[in-house]
Amino acid sequence: MTHPLDQPIWSALTTRQQALAEGGAVARRFPLAIGPFADMVDMSPESFAALGALMSGTEIAVLFTSDAVTVPDDFKTLLAETGEQMVGTPAQSSLPGMDIVTLGAADVPEMIALVELTKPGPFSTRTHELGTFLGIRVDGQLVAMTGERMKPGNYTEMTAVCVHPSHRGRGYAQALLGAVARGIVDRGEIPFLHVFTSNTSAIALYQRQGMQIRRRLHVTVLQKKA
């Protein structure tokens, strides 16, 4: 039995988030309006064929895998990087005079705008449906947010950690991480997250918050050839 975090996307789509899964026994993905994440039971030609059958046009599939991915000739690789998988409960911190608010469907346009500005990773019109998303507003403007994404086994991923460039250095990310993590722990689950290996400043922040690197994963973005 492998650890659920060794294949987090597949684990999520076959356990707590299987009701969202598109696909079948060998390849699954989240609906694209939620996110482009997909995975296969293995890296066989049959599994890639099943993944390809789920994709059309210029759609992409984002894989998180233990090993580097060698793609068949009918796919092209748009990105191949490594990321660190970190586990732990970030310490809670307070922001005197600042309220943390729960974000919902009405906030999606602002959430997408903040993601496009800060580029923490994929975020679409229904991503917020995956779990709790919390934000901070200054003078009515959404300037920071963090939320929940994949839920493999008893783990819940923290995602979309972003702060507007004009409001950085004020502890917003730390406060939001702590608040989201507390909600996860209160449900009896374990917080984790993914961060590109190259993002050393974010890794250092998460380590200061009490998180530890569990393992390195390969992040691959695929697209079918025309």
C-alpha atoms as a PDB file:
ATOM      1  CA  MET A   1       0.000   0.000   0.000  1.00  0.00           C
ATOM      2  CA  THR A   2       1.496   3.325  -1.038  1.00  0.00           C
ATOM      3  CA  HIS A   3       1.146   6.475   1.032  1.00  0.00           C
ATOM      4  CA  PRO A   4      -1.767   8.644  -0.201  1.00  0.00           C
ATOM      5  CA  LEU A   5       0.580  11.604  -0.624  1.00  0.00           C
ATOM      6  CA  ASP A   6       2.904   9.688  -2.959  1.00  0.00           C
ATOM      7  CA  GLN A   7       0.182   9.939  -5.617  1.00  0.00           C
ATOM      8  CA  PRO A   8      -1.927  12.785  -4.213  1.00  0.00           C
ATOM      9  CA  ILE A   9      -4.111  13.516  -7.244  1.00  0.00           C
ATOM     10  CA  TRP A  10      -5.017   9.867  -7.825  1.00  0.00           C
ATOM     11  CA  SER A  11      -5.589   9.377  -4.102  1.00  0.00           C
ATOM     12  CA  ALA A  12      -7.909  12.389  -3.929  1.00  0.00           C
ATOM     13  CA  LEU A  13      -9.899  11.312  -6.991  1.00  0.00           C
ATOM     14  CA  THR A  14     -10.340   7.773  -5.661  1.00  0.00           C
ATOM     15  CA  THR A  15     -11.167   8.658  -2.046  1.00  0.00           C
ATOM     16  CA  ARG A  16     -12.763  11.805  -0.630  1.00  0.00           C
ATOM     17  CA  GLN A  17     -13.140  13.613  -3.960  1.00  0.00           C
ATOM     18  CA  GLN A  18     -14.093  10.666  -6.149  1.00  0.00           C
ATOM     19  CA  ALA A  19     -17.556  12.179  -6.712  1.00  0.00           C
ATOM     20  CA  LEU A  20     -15.826  14.939  -8.726  1.00  0.00           C
ATOM     21  CA  ALA A  21     -13.730  12.576 -10.838  1.00  0.00           C
ATOM     22  CA  GLU A  22     -14.053  12.397 -14.586  1.00  0.00           C
ATOM     23  CA  GLY A  23     -12.726   9.170 -16.082  1.00  0.00           C
ATOM     24  CA  GLY A  24     -12.580   5.565 -14.957  1.00  0.00           C
ATOM     25  CA  ALA A  25     -10.403   2.824 -13.594  1.00  0.00           C
ATOM     26  CA  VAL A  26      -7.060   3.858 -15.090  1.00  0.00           C
ATOM     27  CA  ALA A  27      -7.217   7.647 -15.668  1.00  0.00           C
ATOM     28  CA  ARG A  28      -9.078  10.394 -13.848  1.00  0.00           C
ATOM     29  CA  ARG A  29      -9.153  14.159 -13.675  1.00  0.00           C
ATOM     30  CA  PHE A  30     -10.955  16.971 -11.936  1.00  0.00           C
ATOM     31  CA  PRO A  31     -13.445  18.941 -14.040  1.00  0.00           C
ATOM     32  CA  LEU A  32     -11.478  21.685 -15.793  1.00  0.00           C
ATOM     33  CA  ALA A  33     -13.627  24.399 -14.201  1.00  0.00           C
ATOM     34  CA  ILE A  34     -12.232  23.160 -10.869  1.00  0.00           C
ATOM     35  CA  GLY A  35      -8.646  22.542 -11.956  1.00  0.00           C
ATOM     36  CA  PRO A  36      -6.495  20.827 -14.607  1.00  0.00           C
ATOM     37  CA  PHE A  37      -5.175  18.115 -12.276  1.00  0.00           C
ATOM     38  CA  ALA A  38      -5.183  14.528 -13.507  1.00  0.00           C
ATOM     39  CA  ASP A  39      -3.473  11.226 -12.839  1.00  0.00           C
ATOM     40  CA  MET A  40      -3.302   7.618 -13.950  1.00  0.00           C
ATOM     41  CA  VAL A  41      -3.066   4.319 -12.124  1.00  0.00           C
ATOM     42  CA  ASP A  42       0.320   3.797 -13.834  1.00  0.00           C
ATOM     43  CA  MET A  43       2.386   5.100 -16.751  1.00  0.00           C
ATOM     44  CA  SER A  44       1.413   2.380 -19.238  1.00  0.00           C
ATOM     45  CA  PRO A  45       0.393   3.182 -22.830  1.00  0.00           C
ATOM     46  CA  GLU A  46      -3.133   2.099 -21.930  1.00  0.00           C
ATOM     47  CA  SER A  47      -3.308   4.598 -19.094  1.00  0.00           C
ATOM     48  CA  PHE A  48      -2.015   7.426 -21.282  1.00  0.00           C
ATOM     49  CA  ALA A  49      -4.599   6.491 -23.907  1.00  0.00           C
ATOM     50  CA  ALA A  50      -7.333   6.722 -21.279  1.00  0.00           C
ATOM     51  CA  LEU A  51      -6.027  10.101 -20.140  1.00  0.00           C
ATOM     52  CA  GLY A  52      -5.922  11.327 -23.731  1.00  0.00           C
ATOM     53  CA  ALA A  53      -9.539  10.274 -24.195  1.00  0.00           C
ATOM     54  CA  LEU A  54     -10.505  12.684 -21.398  1.00  0.00           C
ATOM     55  CA  MET A  55      -8.785  15.621 -23.111  1.00  0.00           C
ATOM     56  CA  SER A  56      -9.753  17.608 -26.176  1.00  0.00           C
ATOM     57  CA  GLY A  57      -8.393  20.573 -28.101  1.00  0.00           C
ATOM     58  CA  THR A  58      -5.825  22.576 -26.162  1.00  0.00           C
ATOM     59  CA  GLU A  59      -6.827  21.245 -22.746  1.00  0.00           C
ATOM     60  CA  ILE A  60      -3.951  20.470 -20.396  1.00  0.00           C
ATOM     61  CA  ALA A  61      -3.374  17.875 -17.709  1.00  0.00           C
ATOM     62  CA  VAL A  62      -1.218  18.624 -14.661  1.00  0.00           C
ATOM     63  CA  LEU A  63       0.359  15.561 -13.040  1.00  0.00           C
ATOM     64  CA  PHE A  64       2.074  15.237  -9.641  1.00  0.00           C
ATOM     65  CA  THR A  65       4.125  12.027  -9.736  1.00  0.00           C
ATOM     66  CA  SER A  66       6.840  10.293  -7.755  1.00  0.00           C
ATOM     67  CA  ASP A  67       8.991   9.748 -10.847  1.00  0.00           C
ATOM     68  CA  ALA A  68       9.710  11.824 -13.939  1.00  0.00           C
ATOM     69  CA  VAL A  69       7.118  11.312 -16.677  1.00  0.00           C
ATOM     70  CA  THR A  70       8.069  10.014 -20.124  1.00  0.00           C
ATOM     71  CA  VAL A  71       5.194  10.899 -22.431  1.00  0.00           C
ATOM     72  CA  PRO A  72       4.034   8.982 -25.528  1.00  0.00           C
ATOM     73  CA  ASP A  73       4.458  10.553 -28.955  1.00  0.00           C
ATOM     74  CA  ASP A  74       0.867  11.800 -29.108  1.00  0.00           C
ATOM     75  CA  PHE A  75       1.451  14.130 -26.127  1.00  0.00           C
ATOM     76  CA  LYS A  76       3.724  17.115 -25.683  1.00  0.00           C
ATOM     77  CA  THR A  77       5.241  18.317 -22.438  1.00  0.00           C
ATOM     78  CA  LEU A  78       4.567  21.989 -21.662  1.00  0.00           C
ATOM     79  CA  LEU A  79       6.328  21.971 -18.296  1.00  0.00           C
ATOM     80  CA  ALA A  80       8.472  19.524 -16.350  1.00  0.00           C
ATOM     81  CA  GLU A  81       9.608  20.776 -12.945  1.00  0.00           C
ATOM     82  CA  THR A  82       9.965  19.449  -9.438  1.00  0.00           C
ATOM     83  CA  GLY A  83       8.053  20.490  -6.371  1.00  0.00           C
ATOM     84  CA  GLU A  84       8.387  19.978  -2.653  1.00  0.00           C
ATOM     85  CA  GLN A  85       5.562  18.354  -0.757  1.00  0.00           C
ATOM     86  CA  MET A  86       5.373  19.812   2.735  1.00  0.00           C
ATOM     87  CA  VAL A  87       3.357  18.551   5.696  1.00  0.00           C
ATOM     88  CA  GLY A  88       2.561  20.165   9.015  1.00  0.00           C
ATOM     89  CA  THR A  89       0.343  22.643  10.807  1.00  0.00           C
ATOM     90  CA  PRO A  90       1.461  26.249  10.337  1.00  0.00           C
ATOM     91  CA  ALA A  91       1.482  28.254  13.530  1.00  0.00           C
ATOM     92  CA  GLN A  92      -1.447  30.572  14.055  1.00  0.00           C
ATOM     93  CA  SER A  93      -0.770  34.298  14.057  1.00  0.00           C
ATOM     94  CA  SER A  94      -2.964  37.294  14.733  1.00  0.00           C
ATOM     95  CA  LEU A  95      -3.508  40.453  12.732  1.00  0.00           C
ATOM     96  CA  PRO A  96      -4.727  43.159  15.128  1.00  0.00           C
ATOM     97  CA  GLY A  97      -7.511  45.180  13.565  1.00  0.00           C
ATOM     98  CA  MET A  98      -7.708  42.934  10.500  1.00  0.00           C
ATOM     99  CA  ASP A  99     -10.525  40.476   9.807  1.00  0.00           C
ATOM    100  CA  ILE A 100     -10.163  37.176   7.970  1.00  0.00           C
ATOM    101  CA  VAL A 101     -13.260  36.532   5.854  1.00  0.00           C
ATOM    102  CA  THR A 102     -14.671  33.410   4.203  1.00  0.00           C
ATOM    103  CA  LEU A 103     -14.775  33.663   0.420  1.00  0.00           C
ATOM    104  CA  GLY A 104     -17.482  32.224  -1.820  1.00  0.00           C
ATOM    105  CA  ALA A 105     -18.968  32.261  -5.291  1.00  0.00           C
ATOM    106  CA  ALA A 106     -19.561  36.020  -5.254  1.00  0.00           C
ATOM    107  CA  ASP A 107     -15.838  36.579  -4.687  1.00  0.00           C
ATOM    108  CA  VAL A 108     -14.628  34.423  -7.601  1.00  0.00           C
ATOM    109  CA  PRO A 109     -13.879  37.291 -10.036  1.00  0.00           C
ATOM    110  CA  GLU A 110     -11.652  38.970  -7.430  1.00  0.00           C
ATOM    111  CA  MET A 111     -10.057  35.651  -6.490  1.00  0.00           C
ATOM    112  CA  ILE A 112      -9.194  34.929 -10.116  1.00  0.00           C
ATOM    113  CA  ALA A 113      -7.799  38.444 -10.571  1.00  0.00           C
ATOM    114  CA  LEU A 114      -5.553  38.022  -7.519  1.00  0.00           C
ATOM    115  CA  VAL A 115      -4.346  34.637  -8.799  1.00  0.00           C
ATOM    116  CA  GLU A 116      -3.606  36.054 -12.247  1.00  0.00           C
ATOM    117  CA  LEU A 117      -1.558  38.817 -10.617  1.00  0.00           C
ATOM    118  CA  THR A 118       0.422  36.609  -8.231  1.00  0.00           C
ATOM    119  CA  LYS A 119       0.450  33.233 -10.096  1.00  0.00           C
ATOM    120  CA  PRO A 120       0.417  30.756  -7.174  1.00  0.00           C
ATOM    121  CA  GLY A 121      -0.884  27.988  -9.455  1.00  0.00           C
ATOM    122  CA  PRO A 122      -4.025  26.920 -11.325  1.00  0.00           C
ATOM    123  CA  PHE A 123      -7.270  28.500 -10.184  1.00  0.00           C
ATOM    124  CA  SER A 124     -10.560  28.539 -12.074  1.00  0.00           C
ATOM    125  CA  THR A 125     -14.220  29.420 -11.705  1.00  0.00           C
ATOM    126  CA  ARG A 126     -15.093  26.429  -9.491  1.00  0.00           C
ATOM    127  CA  THR A 127     -11.828  25.893  -7.603  1.00  0.00           C
ATOM    128  CA  HIS A 128     -13.358  27.454  -4.505  1.00  0.00           C
ATOM    129  CA  GLU A 129     -15.817  24.536  -4.336  1.00  0.00           C
ATOM    130  CA  LEU A 130     -13.007  22.209  -3.199  1.00  0.00           C
ATOM    131  CA  GLY A 131     -13.018  23.552   0.348  1.00  0.00           C
ATOM    132  CA  THR A 132     -12.787  26.585   2.588  1.00  0.00           C
ATOM    133  CA  PHE A 133     -11.140  29.700   1.130  1.00  0.00           C
ATOM    134  CA  LEU A 134     -10.237  32.575   3.426  1.00  0.00           C
ATOM    135  CA  GLY A 135      -9.214  36.097   2.485  1.00  0.00           C
ATOM    136  CA  ILE A 136      -8.194  39.499   3.780  1.00  0.00           C
ATOM    137  CA  ARG A 137      -9.676  42.723   2.459  1.00  0.00           C
ATOM    138  CA  VAL A 138      -8.160  46.183   2.761  1.00  0.00           C
ATOM    139  CA  ASP A 139     -10.483  49.092   1.943  1.00  0.00           C
ATOM    140  CA  GLY A 140     -12.808  46.588   0.315  1.00  0.00           C
ATOM    141  CA  GLN A 141     -10.160  45.108  -1.978  1.00  0.00           C
ATOM    142  CA  LEU A 142      -9.211  41.424  -1.744  1.00  0.00           C
ATOM    143  CA  VAL A 143      -5.457  41.542  -1.097  1.00  0.00           C
ATOM    144  CA  ALA A 144      -4.674  38.042   0.186  1.00  0.00           C
ATOM    145  CA  MET A 145      -6.185  34.565   0.209  1.00  0.00           C
ATOM    146  CA  THR A 146      -5.517  30.904   0.908  1.00  0.00           C
ATOM    147  CA  GLY A 147      -7.747  27.855   0.646  1.00  0.00           C
ATOM    148  CA  GLU A 148      -8.144  24.088   0.359  1.00  0.00           C
ATOM    149  CA  ARG A 149      -7.746  21.946  -2.753  1.00  0.00           C
ATOM    150  CA  MET A 150      -6.963  18.222  -2.996  1.00  0.00           C
ATOM    151  CA  LYS A 151      -8.102  15.841  -0.259  1.00  0.00           C
ATOM    152  CA  PRO A 152      -6.248  12.512  -0.530  1.00  0.00           C
ATOM    153  CA  GLY A 153      -7.006  10.114   2.289  1.00  0.00           C
ATOM    154  CA  ASN A 154      -6.920  11.925   5.622  1.00  0.00           C
ATOM    155  CA  TYR A 155      -4.905  14.847   4.236  1.00  0.00           C
ATOM    156  CA  THR A 156      -6.103  18.234   2.973  1.00  0.00           C
ATOM    157  CA  GLU A 157      -3.969  20.404   0.712  1.00  0.00           C
ATOM    158  CA  MET A 158      -3.589  24.132   1.305  1.00  0.00           C
ATOM    159  CA  THR A 159      -3.429  26.110  -1.921  1.00  0.00           C
ATOM    160  CA  ALA A 160      -3.662  29.518  -3.608  1.00  0.00           C
ATOM    161  CA  VAL A 161      -1.404  31.193  -1.059  1.00  0.00           C
ATOM    162  CA  CYS A 162      -1.227  34.665  -2.564  1.00  0.00           C
ATOM    163  CA  VAL A 163      -0.785  38.257  -1.432  1.00  0.00           C
ATOM    164  CA  HIS A 164      -1.113  41.372  -3.582  1.00  0.00           C
ATOM    165  CA  PRO A 165       2.369  42.804  -4.273  1.00  0.00           C
ATOM    166  CA  SER A 166       1.394  46.097  -2.644  1.00  0.00           C
ATOM    167  CA  HIS A 167       0.475  44.371   0.624  1.00  0.00           C
ATOM    168  CA  ARG A 168       3.332  41.942   1.185  1.00  0.00           C
ATOM    169  CA  GLY A 169       5.468  41.837   4.301  1.00  0.00           C
ATOM    170  CA  ARG A 170       2.530  42.348   6.651  1.00  0.00           C
ATOM    171  CA  GLY A 171       2.034  38.762   7.796  1.00  0.00           C
ATOM    172  CA  TYR A 172      -1.090  38.115   5.725  1.00  0.00           C
ATOM    173  CA  ALA A 173       0.087  34.794   4.246  1.00  0.00           C
ATOM    174  CA  GLN A 174       1.159  33.502   7.651  1.00  0.00           C
ATOM    175  CA  ALA A 175      -2.162  34.433   9.226  1.00  0.00           C
ATOM    176  CA  LEU A 176      -4.208  32.856   6.447  1.00  0.00           C
ATOM    177  CA  LEU A 177      -2.137  29.662   6.406  1.00  0.00           C
ATOM    178  CA  GLY A 178      -2.581  29.330  10.146  1.00  0.00           C
ATOM    179  CA  ALA A 179      -6.330  29.897   9.913  1.00  0.00           C
ATOM    180  CA  VAL A 180      -6.871  27.443   7.048  1.00  0.00           C
ATOM    181  CA  ALA A 181      -4.682  24.846   8.763  1.00  0.00           C
ATOM    182  CA  ARG A 182      -6.615  25.220  12.015  1.00  0.00           C
ATOM    183  CA  GLY A 183      -9.864  24.434  10.187  1.00  0.00           C
ATOM    184  CA  ILE A 184      -8.268  21.335   8.656  1.00  0.00           C
ATOM    185  CA  VAL A 185      -6.903  20.097  11.988  1.00  0.00           C
ATOM    186  CA  ASP A 186     -10.218  20.761  13.728  1.00  0.00           C
ATOM    187  CA  ARG A 187     -11.806  18.264  11.312  1.00  0.00           C
ATOM    188  CA  GLY A 188      -9.227  15.646  12.278  1.00  0.00           C
ATOM    189  CA  GLU A 189      -7.275  16.002   9.015  1.00  0.00           C
ATOM    190  CA  ILE A 190      -3.610  16.739   8.284  1.00  0.00           C
ATOM    191  CA  PRO A 191      -2.560  19.874   6.338  1.00  0.00           C
ATOM    192  CA  PHE A 192      -0.077  19.695   3.482  1.00  0.00           C
ATOM    193  CA  LEU A 193       0.901  21.746   0.449  1.00  0.00           C
ATOM    194  CA  HIS A 194       2.997  21.753  -2.710  1.00  0.00           C
ATOM    195  CA  VAL A 195       5.523  24.388  -3.743  1.00  0.00           C
ATOM    196  CA  PHE A 196       7.935  24.492  -6.674  1.00  0.00           C
ATOM    197  CA  THR A 197      11.469  23.525  -5.660  1.00  0.00           C
ATOM    198  CA  SER A 198      12.696  26.781  -7.198  1.00  0.00           C
ATOM    199  CA  ASN A 199      10.485  28.887  -4.886  1.00  0.00           C
ATOM    200  CA  THR A 200      13.002  28.953  -2.063  1.00  0.00           C
ATOM    201  CA  SER A 201      11.477  31.987  -0.340  1.00  0.00           C
ATOM    202  CA  ALA A 202       8.090  30.287   0.002  1.00  0.00           C
ATOM    203  CA  ILE A 203       9.703  27.067   1.231  1.00  0.00           C
ATOM    204  CA  ALA A 204      11.570  29.064   3.877  1.00  0.00           C
ATOM    205  CA  LEU A 205       8.312  30.750   4.931  1.00  0.00           C
ATOM    206  CA  TYR A 206       6.529  27.423   5.299  1.00  0.00           C
ATOM    207  CA  GLN A 207       9.428  25.975   7.275  1.00  0.00           C
ATOM    208  CA  ARG A 208       9.372  28.956   9.631  1.00  0.00           C
ATOM    209  CA  GLN A 209       5.679  28.260  10.065  1.00  0.00           C
ATOM    210  CA  GLY A 210       6.441  24.746  11.258  1.00  0.00           C
ATOM    211  CA  MET A 211       6.003  22.710   8.077  1.00  0.00           C
ATOM    212  CA  GLN A 212       8.507  20.098   6.908  1.00  0.00           C
ATOM    213  CA  ILE A 213       9.417  18.786   3.476  1.00  0.00           C
ATOM    214  CA  ARG A 214       8.066  15.262   3.128  1.00  0.00           C
ATOM    215  CA  ARG A 215       9.299  14.423  -0.350  1.00  0.00           C
ATOM    216  CA  ARG A 216       9.979  15.788  -3.826  1.00  0.00           C
ATOM    217  CA  LEU A 217       7.453  15.248  -6.614  1.00  0.00           C
ATOM    218  CA  HIS A 218       7.589  15.786 -10.356  1.00  0.00           C
ATOM    219  CA  VAL A 219       5.169  18.361 -11.780  1.00  0.00           C
ATOM    220  CA  THR A 220       4.368  17.730 -15.435  1.00  0.00           C
ATOM    221  CA  VAL A 221       1.965  19.653 -17.670  1.00  0.00           C
ATOM    222  CA  LEU A 222       0.802  17.726 -20.721  1.00  0.00           C
ATOM    223  CA  GLN A 223      -1.177  18.559 -23.822  1.00  0.00           C
ATOM    224  CA  LYS A 224      -2.284  16.342 -26.681  1.00  0.00           C
ATOM    225  CA  LYS A 225      -0.636  17.038 -30.001  1.00  0.00           C
ATOM    226  CA  ALA A 226      -2.923  18.431 -32.662  1.00  0.00           C
END
